[in-house]
Amino acid sequence: MAGGRRQAPPREDVLAAAMEMIAERGLEKLTMAALGREVGMSSGHLLYYFRSKDELLLRTLEWSEGRLGAERGRLLTRPGTARERLDAYVDLYVPDGHRDPHWTLWLEVWNRSQKAPDDARDRQAAIEGAWHRDLVALLAEGVSRGEFRPVDPDRFASRLRALLDGFAIHVAIGLRGTDRAQVLGHAREFLAEGLLARS
């Protein structure tokens, strides 16, 4: 209505703006005041919606994970061998490089989780659980088709994700001597040694 208050942007637009700020300026520049200026809201209005910066970060991570989850679903249901789709899973998992915004956010949320309430920790566990379940299903499919050795899919998935997480952190923080190409090479070697059927 004319002369009425300006409508607040949809919550998804706020989360997208937060992710864009992390990508362009780094996490340290993401404050409630700066985000408010970006989306045309006061920091108080943002706090009304998100309660705290921790909640804003977790919501932004969940939003980003929703997009990654949809992409992961497309990769895992496309035609091809289980190994081809496993390579695509690993490629999606590993950061694009130093200061990858999704991984930067992931690291910050997990760092803050030490003091987070149980419901926030449960939501973080749900994010990890989705990646794990998809990987277990893919490994089980490869085993059932005879593409992979008869490994325990859940156990192997836990080991693979621990390996990927460790390397991914090195890439995301820009540890010298570790880059994305090297990590993908290590992952391919690990998969070949652990999964490929012995002739």
Protein backbone atom coordinates (compact mmCIF):
# COMPACT_ATOMS: atom_id res chain seq x y z
CA MET A 1 0.00 0.00 0.00
CA ALA A 2 1.20 3.50 -0.72
CA GLY A 3 3.31 5.04 2.05
CA GLY A 4 3.49 1.69 3.87
CA ARG A 5 6.62 0.07 5.19
CA ARG A 6 8.95 -1.50 2.67
CA GLN A 7 8.64 -5.27 2.64
CA ALA A 8 11.61 -7.22 4.00
CA PRO A 9 13.35 -9.40 1.41
CA PRO A 10 12.44 -13.11 1.46
CA ARG A 11 14.57 -15.09 3.88
CA GLU A 12 16.19 -17.01 1.02
CA ASP A 13 17.40 -13.72 -0.48
CA VAL A 14 19.02 -12.83 2.85
CA LEU A 15 20.78 -16.21 2.99
CA ALA A 16 21.93 -15.88 -0.62
CA ALA A 17 23.28 -12.41 0.15
CA ALA A 18 25.13 -13.75 3.20
CA MET A 19 26.75 -16.47 1.09
CA GLU A 20 27.69 -13.96 -1.58
CA MET A 21 29.31 -11.71 1.03
CA ILE A 22 31.36 -14.64 2.33
CA ALA A 23 32.46 -15.46 -1.22
CA GLU A 24 33.38 -11.90 -2.14
CA ARG A 25 34.65 -10.39 1.13
CA GLY A 26 35.36 -13.27 3.49
CA LEU A 27 33.56 -14.43 6.61
CA GLU A 28 35.17 -11.78 8.80
CA LYS A 29 33.30 -9.06 6.86
CA LEU A 30 29.92 -10.72 7.40
CA THR A 31 28.38 -8.78 10.27
CA MET A 32 24.71 -8.25 10.95
CA ALA A 33 25.11 -4.55 10.18
CA ALA A 34 26.92 -5.18 6.87
CA LEU A 35 24.41 -7.82 5.80
CA GLY A 36 21.57 -5.51 6.78
CA ARG A 37 22.97 -2.78 4.53
CA GLU A 38 23.31 -5.30 1.71
CA VAL A 39 19.66 -6.39 1.88
CA GLY A 40 18.07 -3.14 3.07
CA MET A 41 17.24 -4.25 6.60
CA SER A 42 18.37 -3.10 10.02
CA SER A 43 20.60 -5.39 12.06
CA GLY A 44 17.79 -5.47 14.63
CA HIS A 45 15.38 -6.73 12.00
CA LEU A 46 17.86 -9.45 11.03
CA LEU A 47 18.22 -10.46 14.68
CA TYR A 48 14.42 -10.69 14.90
CA TYR A 49 14.48 -13.27 12.09
CA PHE A 50 17.66 -15.15 13.02
CA ARG A 51 18.08 -14.51 16.80
CA SER A 52 21.91 -14.54 16.61
CA LYS A 53 24.82 -14.57 14.20
CA ASP A 54 25.33 -18.27 14.99
CA GLU A 55 21.79 -19.00 13.82
CA LEU A 56 22.29 -16.89 10.69
CA LEU A 57 25.45 -18.84 9.85
CA LEU A 58 23.79 -22.20 10.45
CA ARG A 59 20.75 -21.22 8.36
CA THR A 60 23.05 -20.03 5.57
CA LEU A 61 24.93 -23.33 5.71
CA GLU A 62 21.65 -25.27 5.57
CA TRP A 63 20.56 -23.19 2.57
CA SER A 64 23.89 -23.79 0.81
CA GLU A 65 23.71 -27.50 1.66
CA GLY A 66 20.21 -27.67 0.19
CA ARG A 67 21.59 -26.47 -3.12
CA LEU A 68 24.54 -28.86 -2.92
CA GLY A 69 22.18 -31.68 -1.97
CA ALA A 70 20.10 -31.09 -5.10
CA GLU A 71 23.25 -31.10 -7.22
CA ARG A 72 24.48 -34.25 -5.47
CA GLY A 73 21.13 -35.91 -6.16
CA ARG A 74 21.42 -35.12 -9.87
CA LEU A 75 24.97 -36.48 -10.00
CA LEU A 76 24.10 -39.69 -8.18
CA THR A 77 21.05 -40.51 -10.30
CA ARG A 78 22.59 -39.84 -13.70
CA PRO A 79 23.48 -42.75 -15.99
CA GLY A 80 26.94 -44.26 -15.68
CA THR A 81 28.93 -46.61 -13.53
CA ALA A 82 29.00 -46.39 -9.75
CA ARG A 83 32.70 -45.46 -9.98
CA GLU A 84 31.94 -42.56 -12.34
CA ARG A 85 29.29 -41.28 -9.96
CA LEU A 86 31.60 -41.80 -6.99
CA ASP A 87 34.22 -39.65 -8.71
CA ALA A 88 31.54 -36.99 -9.25
CA TYR A 89 30.60 -37.18 -5.53
CA VAL A 90 34.23 -36.66 -4.51
CA ASP A 91 34.61 -33.80 -6.99
CA LEU A 92 31.56 -32.07 -5.46
CA TYR A 93 32.80 -32.71 -1.91
CA VAL A 94 36.27 -31.21 -2.26
CA PRO A 95 36.55 -27.39 -2.00
CA ASP A 96 37.16 -25.40 -5.16
CA GLY A 97 40.22 -23.86 -3.54
CA HIS A 98 41.49 -21.59 -0.78
CA ARG A 99 38.63 -19.70 0.91
CA ASP A 100 35.93 -21.72 -0.85
CA PRO A 101 32.86 -19.94 0.62
CA HIS A 102 30.89 -23.08 1.43
CA TRP A 103 33.81 -24.68 3.24
CA THR A 104 34.72 -21.40 4.96
CA LEU A 105 31.19 -21.29 6.33
CA TRP A 106 31.20 -25.00 7.21
CA LEU A 107 34.42 -24.62 9.21
CA GLU A 108 33.07 -21.60 11.10
CA VAL A 109 29.77 -23.29 11.98
CA TRP A 110 31.54 -26.42 13.21
CA ASN A 111 34.01 -24.35 15.21
CA ARG A 112 31.11 -22.54 16.90
CA SER A 113 29.27 -25.83 17.50
CA GLN A 114 31.34 -26.63 20.58
CA LYS A 115 29.06 -24.29 22.54
CA ALA A 116 25.96 -24.70 20.39
CA PRO A 117 22.67 -25.96 21.84
CA ASP A 118 21.60 -29.54 21.10
CA ASP A 119 19.09 -28.57 18.40
CA ALA A 120 21.79 -26.73 16.43
CA ARG A 121 24.14 -29.70 16.77
CA ASP A 122 21.35 -31.99 15.58
CA ARG A 123 20.87 -29.82 12.49
CA GLN A 124 24.60 -29.97 11.77
CA ALA A 125 24.53 -33.75 12.18
CA ALA A 126 21.64 -33.89 9.69
CA ILE A 127 23.82 -32.13 7.10
CA GLU A 128 26.60 -34.69 7.60
CA GLY A 129 24.09 -37.53 7.63
CA ALA A 130 22.75 -36.66 4.18
CA TRP A 131 26.23 -36.81 2.63
CA HIS A 132 26.93 -40.08 4.44
CA ARG A 133 23.69 -41.81 3.45
CA ASP A 134 24.12 -40.92 -0.21
CA LEU A 135 27.68 -42.24 -0.18
CA VAL A 136 26.68 -45.48 1.58
CA ALA A 137 23.92 -46.09 -0.98
CA LEU A 138 26.32 -45.49 -3.87
CA LEU A 139 28.95 -47.82 -2.42
CA ALA A 140 26.33 -50.51 -1.78
CA GLU A 141 25.17 -50.22 -5.38
CA GLY A 142 28.73 -50.60 -6.66
CA VAL A 143 29.27 -53.66 -4.46
CA SER A 144 25.99 -55.25 -5.56
CA ARG A 145 26.90 -54.76 -9.23
CA GLY A 146 30.34 -56.25 -8.74
CA GLU A 147 32.08 -52.98 -9.61
CA PHE A 148 33.53 -52.70 -6.12
CA ARG A 149 35.04 -55.24 -3.79
CA PRO A 150 32.63 -56.50 -1.11
CA VAL A 151 33.40 -53.81 1.45
CA ASP A 152 31.13 -52.72 4.29
CA PRO A 153 29.58 -49.60 2.68
CA ASP A 154 28.99 -47.77 5.97
CA ARG A 155 32.51 -48.39 7.26
CA PHE A 156 34.14 -47.49 3.98
CA ALA A 157 32.04 -44.33 3.70
CA SER A 158 33.16 -43.21 7.17
CA ARG A 159 36.82 -43.70 6.25
CA LEU A 160 36.48 -41.99 2.88
CA ARG A 161 34.68 -38.97 4.33
CA ALA A 162 37.28 -38.63 7.09
CA LEU A 163 40.01 -38.63 4.44
CA LEU A 164 38.12 -36.09 2.33
CA ASP A 165 37.36 -33.86 5.32
CA GLY A 166 41.01 -33.76 6.36
CA PHE A 167 42.26 -32.94 2.90
CA ALA A 168 39.39 -30.52 2.24
CA ILE A 169 40.28 -28.49 5.33
CA HIS A 170 43.85 -28.19 4.04
CA VAL A 171 42.56 -26.90 0.70
CA ALA A 172 40.03 -24.52 2.24
CA ILE A 173 42.53 -22.88 4.58
CA GLY A 174 45.17 -22.71 1.84
CA LEU A 175 47.74 -24.97 3.52
CA ARG A 176 50.86 -24.79 1.41
CA GLY A 177 51.66 -27.93 -0.52
CA THR A 178 48.03 -29.05 -0.72
CA ASP A 179 45.78 -28.12 -3.61
CA ARG A 180 42.56 -29.44 -5.08
CA ALA A 181 44.25 -31.45 -7.85
CA GLN A 182 46.48 -33.23 -5.33
CA VAL A 183 43.53 -34.05 -3.10
CA LEU A 184 41.54 -35.50 -5.99
CA GLY A 185 44.58 -37.59 -6.91
CA HIS A 186 44.87 -38.94 -3.35
CA ALA A 187 41.15 -39.73 -3.33
CA ARG A 188 41.33 -41.60 -6.66
CA GLU A 189 44.28 -43.63 -5.36
CA PHE A 190 42.45 -44.45 -2.13
CA LEU A 191 39.36 -45.54 -4.05
CA ALA A 192 41.33 -47.66 -6.50
CA GLU A 193 43.19 -49.42 -3.70
CA GLY A 194 40.17 -49.93 -1.50
CA LEU A 195 37.31 -50.56 -3.89
CA LEU A 196 38.28 -51.83 -7.29
CA ALA A 197 37.52 -55.51 -7.66
CA ARG A 198 40.58 -57.75 -7.70
CA SER A 199 40.84 -59.79 -10.91
